[in-house]
């Protein structure tokens, strides 16, 4: 029997959806420190008139997932680890400015992240990197970090 193109499309989508069943459902993705850092930096004006994080739990995730060496590594590539660390460091720097209570803890975390980032950037093989947008992301994140008082981590001490 003849099926319309719409019916065929629905069958194909249904077939794909049943093959991709998971606990999170179709279209799920794992959290990435890069994305979480941007969510963490989303702000709101509190009742006391001060600017506060809209999603403070995003900062907790970043702190919980920071590696012992100070980075936020990625399983996929060194470039992803660099991007994750740049964005997470930026978020923690901003949180330290917003919330006095987090400043001391964040200073230690940020120093460890800067040290790790310096090593990652100095050992990064640009010719072995195949990521779209890095030529825009890395310089812009470095510039944003500079506004937060982070000296260019690619400069050797």
N, C-alpha and C. Protein backbone atom coordinates (compact mmCIF):
# COMPACT_ATOMS: atom_id res chain seq x y z
N UNK A 1 0.84 -1.18 0.00
CA UNK A 1 0.00 0.00 0.00
C UNK A 1 0.88 1.25 0.00
N UNK A 2 0.44 2.25 -0.68
CA UNK A 2 1.18 3.50 -0.85
C UNK A 2 1.10 4.35 0.41
N UNK A 3 2.27 4.85 0.91
CA UNK A 3 2.32 5.75 2.05
C UNK A 3 2.71 7.13 1.57
N UNK A 4 2.14 8.13 2.23
CA UNK A 4 2.54 9.49 1.90
C UNK A 4 3.93 9.77 2.46
N UNK A 5 4.57 10.79 1.96
CA UNK A 5 5.90 11.16 2.44
C UNK A 5 5.85 11.53 3.92
N UNK A 6 4.76 12.10 4.39
CA UNK A 6 4.61 12.47 5.80
C UNK A 6 4.56 11.22 6.66
N UNK A 7 3.81 10.22 6.23
CA UNK A 7 3.74 8.97 6.99
C UNK A 7 5.10 8.28 7.04
N UNK A 8 5.81 8.29 5.93
CA UNK A 8 7.15 7.69 5.90
C UNK A 8 8.10 8.43 6.85
N UNK A 9 8.00 9.74 6.85
CA UNK A 9 8.85 10.55 7.74
C UNK A 9 8.55 10.22 9.19
N UNK A 10 7.27 10.13 9.56
CA UNK A 10 6.89 9.81 10.93
C UNK A 10 7.39 8.42 11.33
N UNK A 11 7.31 7.48 10.44
CA UNK A 11 7.82 6.14 10.74
C UNK A 11 9.33 6.16 10.96
N UNK A 12 10.04 6.91 10.14
CA UNK A 12 11.48 7.01 10.28
C UNK A 12 11.84 7.67 11.62
N UNK A 13 11.20 8.75 11.97
CA UNK A 13 11.46 9.43 13.24
C UNK A 13 11.14 8.50 14.41
N UNK A 14 10.01 7.80 14.34
CA UNK A 14 9.63 6.86 15.40
C UNK A 14 10.67 5.74 15.54
N UNK A 15 11.14 5.23 14.41
CA UNK A 15 12.16 4.18 14.43
C UNK A 15 13.44 4.68 15.07
N UNK A 16 13.88 5.88 14.70
CA UNK A 16 15.09 6.45 15.30
C UNK A 16 14.91 6.68 16.80
N UNK A 17 13.76 7.19 17.18
CA UNK A 17 13.52 7.49 18.59
C UNK A 17 13.54 6.22 19.44
N UNK A 18 12.97 5.14 18.95
CA UNK A 18 12.96 3.90 19.73
C UNK A 18 14.35 3.29 19.81
N UNK A 19 15.19 3.52 18.80
CA UNK A 19 16.55 3.01 18.82
C UNK A 19 17.47 3.84 19.72
N UNK A 20 17.08 5.06 20.02
CA UNK A 20 17.91 5.96 20.83
C UNK A 20 17.39 6.08 22.26
N UNK A 21 16.63 5.12 22.70
CA UNK A 21 16.07 5.20 24.04
C UNK A 21 17.18 5.20 25.09
N UNK A 22 17.05 6.09 26.06
CA UNK A 22 17.98 6.15 27.18
C UNK A 22 17.24 6.71 28.38
N UNK A 23 17.93 6.72 29.52
CA UNK A 23 17.29 7.26 30.72
C UNK A 23 16.92 8.72 30.56
N UNK A 24 17.77 9.49 29.86
CA UNK A 24 17.51 10.90 29.68
C UNK A 24 16.56 11.19 28.53
N UNK A 25 16.31 10.20 27.68
CA UNK A 25 15.44 10.41 26.53
C UNK A 25 16.22 10.92 25.33
N UNK A 26 15.55 11.00 24.23
CA UNK A 26 16.15 11.44 22.99
C UNK A 26 16.58 12.90 23.12
N UNK A 27 17.77 13.21 22.67
CA UNK A 27 18.24 14.59 22.66
C UNK A 27 18.97 15.01 23.92
N UNK A 28 19.38 14.07 24.74
CA UNK A 28 20.09 14.45 25.95
C UNK A 28 21.56 14.69 25.64
N UNK A 29 22.23 15.40 26.52
CA UNK A 29 23.66 15.59 26.40
C UNK A 29 24.25 15.68 27.79
N UNK A 30 25.51 15.32 27.89
CA UNK A 30 26.15 15.38 29.19
C UNK A 30 26.58 16.81 29.49
N UNK A 31 26.68 17.16 30.76
CA UNK A 31 27.09 18.53 31.09
C UNK A 31 28.55 18.74 30.72
N UNK A 32 28.85 19.92 30.25
CA UNK A 32 30.23 20.28 29.93
C UNK A 32 30.59 21.51 30.75
N UNK A 33 31.79 21.54 31.31
CA UNK A 33 32.18 22.70 32.09
C UNK A 33 32.09 24.01 31.31
N UNK A 34 32.37 23.98 30.02
CA UNK A 34 32.27 25.20 29.21
C UNK A 34 30.85 25.77 29.26
N UNK A 35 29.88 24.93 28.94
CA UNK A 35 28.48 25.38 28.94
C UNK A 35 28.01 25.75 30.34
N UNK A 36 28.40 24.95 31.32
CA UNK A 36 28.00 25.20 32.70
C UNK A 36 28.56 26.52 33.20
N UNK A 37 29.76 26.87 32.78
CA UNK A 37 30.37 28.14 33.18
C UNK A 37 29.53 29.32 32.69
N UNK A 38 29.04 29.24 31.47
CA UNK A 38 28.21 30.34 30.94
C UNK A 38 26.88 30.40 31.67
N UNK A 39 26.32 29.25 32.01
CA UNK A 39 25.08 29.24 32.80
C UNK A 39 25.35 29.85 34.17
N UNK A 40 26.48 29.52 34.77
CA UNK A 40 26.83 30.05 36.09
C UNK A 40 26.93 31.58 36.07
N UNK A 41 27.40 32.14 34.97
CA UNK A 41 27.59 33.59 34.90
C UNK A 41 26.30 34.35 34.60
N UNK A 42 25.19 33.65 34.42
CA UNK A 42 23.91 34.31 34.22
C UNK A 42 23.50 34.96 35.54
N UNK A 43 23.15 36.23 35.50
CA UNK A 43 22.91 36.98 36.73
C UNK A 43 21.48 37.47 36.86
N UNK A 44 21.13 37.82 38.09
CA UNK A 44 19.84 38.43 38.39
C UNK A 44 20.07 39.49 39.46
N UNK A 45 19.14 40.40 39.56
CA UNK A 45 19.20 41.42 40.60
C UNK A 45 18.41 40.89 41.80
N UNK A 46 19.09 40.76 42.93
CA UNK A 46 18.46 40.22 44.15
C UNK A 46 17.60 41.29 44.82
N UNK A 47 16.82 40.87 45.80
CA UNK A 47 15.95 41.80 46.52
C UNK A 47 16.73 42.91 47.21
N UNK A 48 17.97 42.63 47.60
CA UNK A 48 18.79 43.65 48.25
C UNK A 48 19.45 44.59 47.23
N UNK A 49 19.13 44.41 45.94
CA UNK A 49 19.65 45.27 44.90
C UNK A 49 20.99 44.83 44.34
N UNK A 50 21.59 43.82 44.93
CA UNK A 50 22.88 43.34 44.45
C UNK A 50 22.69 42.33 43.32
N UNK A 51 23.70 42.24 42.49
CA UNK A 51 23.69 41.27 41.40
C UNK A 51 24.16 39.93 41.94
N UNK A 52 23.38 38.89 41.70
CA UNK A 52 23.67 37.54 42.18
C UNK A 52 23.54 36.54 41.02
N UNK A 53 24.17 35.38 41.16
CA UNK A 53 24.03 34.34 40.13
C UNK A 53 22.58 33.83 40.09
N UNK A 54 22.06 33.64 38.88
CA UNK A 54 20.72 33.09 38.73
C UNK A 54 20.72 31.59 39.01
N UNK A 55 21.82 30.92 38.71
CA UNK A 55 21.94 29.48 38.91
C UNK A 55 23.18 29.17 39.74
N UNK A 56 23.15 29.41 41.06
CA UNK A 56 24.34 29.18 41.89
C UNK A 56 24.80 27.73 41.88
N UNK A 57 23.88 26.81 41.61
CA UNK A 57 24.27 25.40 41.57
C UNK A 57 25.24 25.11 40.42
N UNK A 58 25.26 25.96 39.41
CA UNK A 58 26.22 25.77 38.33
C UNK A 58 27.64 25.98 38.84
N UNK A 59 27.82 26.93 39.76
CA UNK A 59 29.14 27.12 40.37
C UNK A 59 29.54 25.90 41.18
N UNK A 60 28.58 25.32 41.87
CA UNK A 60 28.88 24.12 42.66
C UNK A 60 29.33 22.98 41.76
N UNK A 61 28.69 22.84 40.61
CA UNK A 61 29.10 21.82 39.65
C UNK A 61 30.54 22.06 39.20
N UNK A 62 30.87 23.32 38.89
CA UNK A 62 32.23 23.63 38.45
C UNK A 62 33.25 23.30 39.52
N UNK A 63 32.93 23.63 40.75
CA UNK A 63 33.86 23.35 41.85
C UNK A 63 34.01 21.85 42.07
N UNK A 64 32.91 21.14 41.95
CA UNK A 64 32.94 19.69 42.15
C UNK A 64 33.71 18.97 41.05
N UNK A 65 33.72 19.52 39.86
CA UNK A 65 34.35 18.83 38.73
C UNK A 65 35.75 19.33 38.38
N UNK A 66 36.28 20.27 39.17
CA UNK A 66 37.64 20.73 38.91
C UNK A 66 38.62 19.61 39.26
N UNK A 67 39.54 19.34 38.36
CA UNK A 67 40.53 18.28 38.57
C UNK A 67 41.55 18.70 39.62
N UNK A 68 42.25 17.73 40.15
CA UNK A 68 43.27 18.00 41.17
C UNK A 68 44.37 18.93 40.65
N UNK A 69 44.62 18.90 39.34
CA UNK A 69 45.65 19.78 38.78
C UNK A 69 45.14 21.19 38.49
N UNK A 70 43.86 21.45 38.78
CA UNK A 70 43.29 22.78 38.60
C UNK A 70 42.51 22.97 37.32
N UNK A 71 42.52 21.99 36.44
CA UNK A 71 41.86 22.13 35.15
C UNK A 71 40.46 21.52 35.16
N UNK A 72 39.77 21.71 34.06
CA UNK A 72 38.52 21.03 33.78
C UNK A 72 38.77 20.31 32.46
N UNK A 73 39.35 19.14 32.56
CA UNK A 73 39.75 18.41 31.35
C UNK A 73 38.53 17.88 30.61
N UNK A 74 38.76 17.51 29.39
CA UNK A 74 37.72 16.90 28.57
C UNK A 74 38.24 15.56 28.07
N UNK A 75 37.35 14.63 27.96
CA UNK A 75 37.73 13.30 27.51
C UNK A 75 37.99 13.26 26.01
N UNK A 76 37.46 14.23 25.28
CA UNK A 76 37.54 14.20 23.83
C UNK A 76 38.87 14.73 23.30
N UNK A 77 39.30 15.92 23.78
CA UNK A 77 40.54 16.48 23.25
C UNK A 77 41.15 17.48 24.22
N UNK A 78 42.43 17.75 24.02
CA UNK A 78 43.11 18.77 24.82
C UNK A 78 42.49 20.14 24.59
N UNK A 79 42.08 20.41 23.36
CA UNK A 79 41.46 21.70 23.04
C UNK A 79 40.19 21.90 23.86
N UNK A 80 39.39 20.86 24.02
CA UNK A 80 38.18 20.96 24.83
C UNK A 80 38.53 21.23 26.29
N UNK A 81 39.60 20.61 26.77
CA UNK A 81 40.05 20.87 28.14
C UNK A 81 40.47 22.32 28.33
N UNK A 82 41.12 22.88 27.33
CA UNK A 82 41.53 24.29 27.39
C UNK A 82 40.30 25.19 27.43
N UNK A 83 39.36 24.94 26.55
CA UNK A 83 38.14 25.76 26.50
C UNK A 83 37.36 25.63 27.81
N UNK A 84 37.24 24.40 28.32
CA UNK A 84 36.55 24.19 29.59
C UNK A 84 37.22 24.98 30.72
N UNK A 85 38.54 24.91 30.76
CA UNK A 85 39.28 25.57 31.84
C UNK A 85 39.20 27.08 31.72
N UNK A 86 39.31 27.61 30.51
CA UNK A 86 39.18 29.05 30.31
C UNK A 86 37.83 29.56 30.81
N UNK A 87 36.76 28.90 30.39
CA UNK A 87 35.41 29.36 30.76
C UNK A 87 35.14 29.18 32.25
N UNK A 88 35.54 28.05 32.81
CA UNK A 88 35.31 27.81 34.24
C UNK A 88 36.11 28.80 35.09
N UNK A 89 37.34 29.09 34.70
CA UNK A 89 38.14 30.08 35.40
C UNK A 89 37.47 31.45 35.35
N UNK A 90 36.96 31.82 34.20
CA UNK A 90 36.25 33.09 34.06
C UNK A 90 35.04 33.15 35.00
N UNK A 91 34.28 32.07 35.06
CA UNK A 91 33.10 32.03 35.93
C UNK A 91 33.50 32.18 37.40
N UNK A 92 34.53 31.48 37.83
CA UNK A 92 34.95 31.57 39.23
C UNK A 92 35.49 32.95 39.57
N UNK A 93 36.17 33.58 38.62
CA UNK A 93 36.65 34.95 38.84
C UNK A 93 35.47 35.89 39.04
N UNK A 94 34.45 35.73 38.23
CA UNK A 94 33.27 36.59 38.34
C UNK A 94 32.52 36.32 39.65
N UNK A 95 32.42 35.04 40.06
CA UNK A 95 31.73 34.72 41.30
C UNK A 95 32.45 35.35 42.49
N UNK A 96 33.76 35.33 42.46
CA UNK A 96 34.54 35.91 43.54
C UNK A 96 34.28 37.41 43.69
N UNK A 97 33.98 38.07 42.58
CA UNK A 97 33.65 39.50 42.64
C UNK A 97 32.24 39.72 43.19
N UNK A 98 31.33 38.80 42.89
CA UNK A 98 29.94 38.93 43.32
C UNK A 98 29.75 38.58 44.79
N UNK A 99 30.38 37.51 45.23
CA UNK A 99 30.13 36.99 46.56
C UNK A 99 31.42 36.95 47.37
N UNK A 100 31.51 37.83 48.33
CA UNK A 100 32.70 37.93 49.18
C UNK A 100 33.02 36.59 49.84
N UNK A 101 31.99 35.84 50.22
CA UNK A 101 32.18 34.57 50.93
C UNK A 101 32.94 33.54 50.09
N UNK A 102 32.87 33.65 48.78
CA UNK A 102 33.53 32.66 47.92
C UNK A 102 34.92 33.10 47.48
N UNK A 103 35.28 34.34 47.79
CA UNK A 103 36.52 34.91 47.24
C UNK A 103 37.76 34.10 47.63
N UNK A 104 37.94 33.76 48.89
CA UNK A 104 39.15 33.06 49.32
C UNK A 104 39.25 31.68 48.68
N UNK A 105 38.16 30.91 48.75
CA UNK A 105 38.17 29.57 48.14
C UNK A 105 38.42 29.67 46.64
N UNK A 106 37.78 30.63 45.99
CA UNK A 106 37.95 30.79 44.55
C UNK A 106 39.36 31.22 44.18
N UNK A 107 40.02 32.00 45.03
CA UNK A 107 41.38 32.42 44.73
C UNK A 107 42.30 31.21 44.60
N UNK A 108 42.18 30.26 45.51
CA UNK A 108 42.99 29.05 45.43
C UNK A 108 42.66 28.24 44.19
N UNK A 109 41.37 28.09 43.92
CA UNK A 109 40.94 27.34 42.74
C UNK A 109 41.41 28.03 41.46
N UNK A 110 41.28 29.35 41.42
CA UNK A 110 41.67 30.11 40.24
C UNK A 110 43.17 30.05 40.00
N UNK A 111 43.94 30.11 41.05
CA UNK A 111 45.40 30.02 40.89
C UNK A 111 45.78 28.65 40.33
N UNK A 112 45.16 27.60 40.84
CA UNK A 112 45.43 26.25 40.32
C UNK A 112 45.00 26.15 38.86
N UNK A 113 43.87 26.77 38.51
CA UNK A 113 43.39 26.74 37.12
C UNK A 113 44.35 27.51 36.21
N UNK A 114 44.84 28.66 36.67
CA UNK A 114 45.79 29.43 35.86
C UNK A 114 47.08 28.65 35.63
N UNK A 115 47.57 28.00 36.66
CA UNK A 115 48.80 27.20 36.52
C UNK A 115 48.59 26.07 35.52
N UNK A 116 47.47 25.38 35.64
CA UNK A 116 47.16 24.28 34.74
C UNK A 116 46.97 24.78 33.31
N UNK A 117 46.27 25.89 33.18
CA UNK A 117 46.01 26.47 31.87
C UNK A 117 47.31 26.87 31.18
N UNK A 118 48.22 27.43 31.94
CA UNK A 118 49.51 27.82 31.39
C UNK A 118 50.21 26.59 30.79
N UNK A 119 50.21 25.49 31.51
CA UNK A 119 50.84 24.27 31.01
C UNK A 119 50.12 23.75 29.76
N UNK A 120 48.79 23.73 29.82
CA UNK A 120 48.03 23.21 28.68
C UNK A 120 48.25 24.05 27.43
N UNK A 121 48.23 25.37 27.58
CA UNK A 121 48.41 26.25 26.42
C UNK A 121 49.82 26.16 25.85
N UNK A 122 50.80 26.08 26.72
CA UNK A 122 52.18 26.00 26.25
C UNK A 122 52.51 24.65 25.60
N UNK A 123 51.76 23.61 25.93
CA UNK A 123 51.97 22.28 25.34
C UNK A 123 50.98 21.95 24.22
N UNK A 124 50.12 22.87 23.91
CA UNK A 124 49.05 22.65 22.94
C UNK A 124 49.62 22.58 21.52
N UNK A 125 49.31 21.51 20.82
CA UNK A 125 49.71 21.35 19.43
C UNK A 125 48.57 21.85 18.55
N UNK A 126 48.69 23.10 18.10
CA UNK A 126 47.63 23.71 17.30
C UNK A 126 47.39 22.97 15.99
N UNK A 127 48.44 22.39 15.44
CA UNK A 127 48.31 21.70 14.15
C UNK A 127 47.58 20.37 14.27
N UNK A 128 47.48 19.87 15.49
CA UNK A 128 46.79 18.61 15.73
C UNK A 128 45.35 18.84 16.19
N UNK A 129 44.91 20.10 16.16
CA UNK A 129 43.58 20.46 16.65
C UNK A 129 42.63 20.64 15.49
N UNK A 130 41.49 19.98 15.60
CA UNK A 130 40.46 20.09 14.56
C UNK A 130 39.13 20.45 15.22
N UNK A 131 39.00 21.69 15.66
CA UNK A 131 37.79 22.16 16.32
C UNK A 131 37.35 23.46 15.65
N UNK A 132 36.10 23.54 15.32
CA UNK A 132 35.55 24.74 14.72
C UNK A 132 35.38 25.82 15.78
N UNK A 133 35.84 27.01 15.49
CA UNK A 133 35.61 28.15 16.36
C UNK A 133 36.68 28.44 17.38
N UNK A 134 37.68 27.59 17.51
CA UNK A 134 38.72 27.83 18.51
C UNK A 134 39.47 29.13 18.26
N UNK A 135 39.62 29.48 17.01
CA UNK A 135 40.33 30.71 16.68
C UNK A 135 39.58 31.95 17.16
N UNK A 136 38.30 31.79 17.47
CA UNK A 136 37.49 32.88 18.03
C UNK A 136 37.37 32.72 19.55
N UNK A 137 37.08 31.51 19.99
CA UNK A 137 36.84 31.26 21.42
C UNK A 137 38.05 31.55 22.30
N UNK A 138 39.18 30.98 21.96
CA UNK A 138 40.36 31.11 22.84
C UNK A 138 40.77 32.57 23.02
N UNK A 139 40.98 33.35 21.95
CA UNK A 139 41.37 34.75 22.16
C UNK A 139 40.33 35.57 22.93
N UNK A 140 39.05 35.31 22.67
CA UNK A 140 38.01 36.06 23.37
C UNK A 140 37.94 35.70 24.85
N UNK A 141 38.07 34.42 25.16
CA UNK A 141 38.09 34.02 26.57
C UNK A 141 39.32 34.59 27.28
N UNK A 142 40.46 34.60 26.60
CA UNK A 142 41.66 35.18 27.19
C UNK A 142 41.46 36.68 27.44
N UNK A 143 40.80 37.37 26.52
CA UNK A 143 40.53 38.81 26.69
C UNK A 143 39.57 39.03 27.86
N UNK A 144 38.52 38.21 27.99
CA UNK A 144 37.59 38.33 29.12
C UNK A 144 38.30 38.06 30.45
N UNK A 145 39.20 37.10 30.45
CA UNK A 145 39.97 36.81 31.66
C UNK A 145 40.91 37.98 32.01
N UNK A 146 41.43 38.62 30.99
CA UNK A 146 42.30 39.78 31.21
C UNK A 146 41.52 40.88 31.94
N UNK A 147 40.24 41.08 31.57
CA UNK A 147 39.39 42.06 32.25
C UNK A 147 39.16 41.69 33.71
N UNK A 148 39.30 40.40 34.02
CA UNK A 148 39.11 39.92 35.40
C UNK A 148 40.44 39.88 36.16
N UNK A 149 41.50 40.37 35.53
CA UNK A 149 42.78 40.45 36.22
C UNK A 149 43.70 39.27 36.01
N UNK A 150 43.37 38.38 35.10
CA UNK A 150 44.22 37.22 34.84
C UNK A 150 45.24 37.61 33.77
N UNK A 151 46.51 37.51 34.14
CA UNK A 151 47.57 37.78 33.18
C UNK A 151 47.57 36.69 32.12
N UNK A 152 47.90 37.02 30.92
CA UNK A 152 47.88 36.06 29.82
C UNK A 152 48.61 34.78 30.20
N UNK A 153 47.87 33.66 30.31
CA UNK A 153 48.49 32.41 30.74
C UNK A 153 49.47 31.81 29.74
N UNK A 154 49.52 32.33 28.52
CA UNK A 154 50.49 31.79 27.56
C UNK A 154 51.86 32.40 27.78
N UNK A 155 51.94 33.44 28.59
CA UNK A 155 53.23 34.05 28.91
C UNK A 155 53.92 33.21 29.95
N UNK A 156 55.14 32.82 29.67
CA UNK A 156 55.89 32.00 30.64
C UNK A 156 56.31 32.86 31.81
N UNK A 157 56.28 32.25 33.00
CA UNK A 157 56.62 32.97 34.24
C UNK A 157 58.10 33.25 34.30
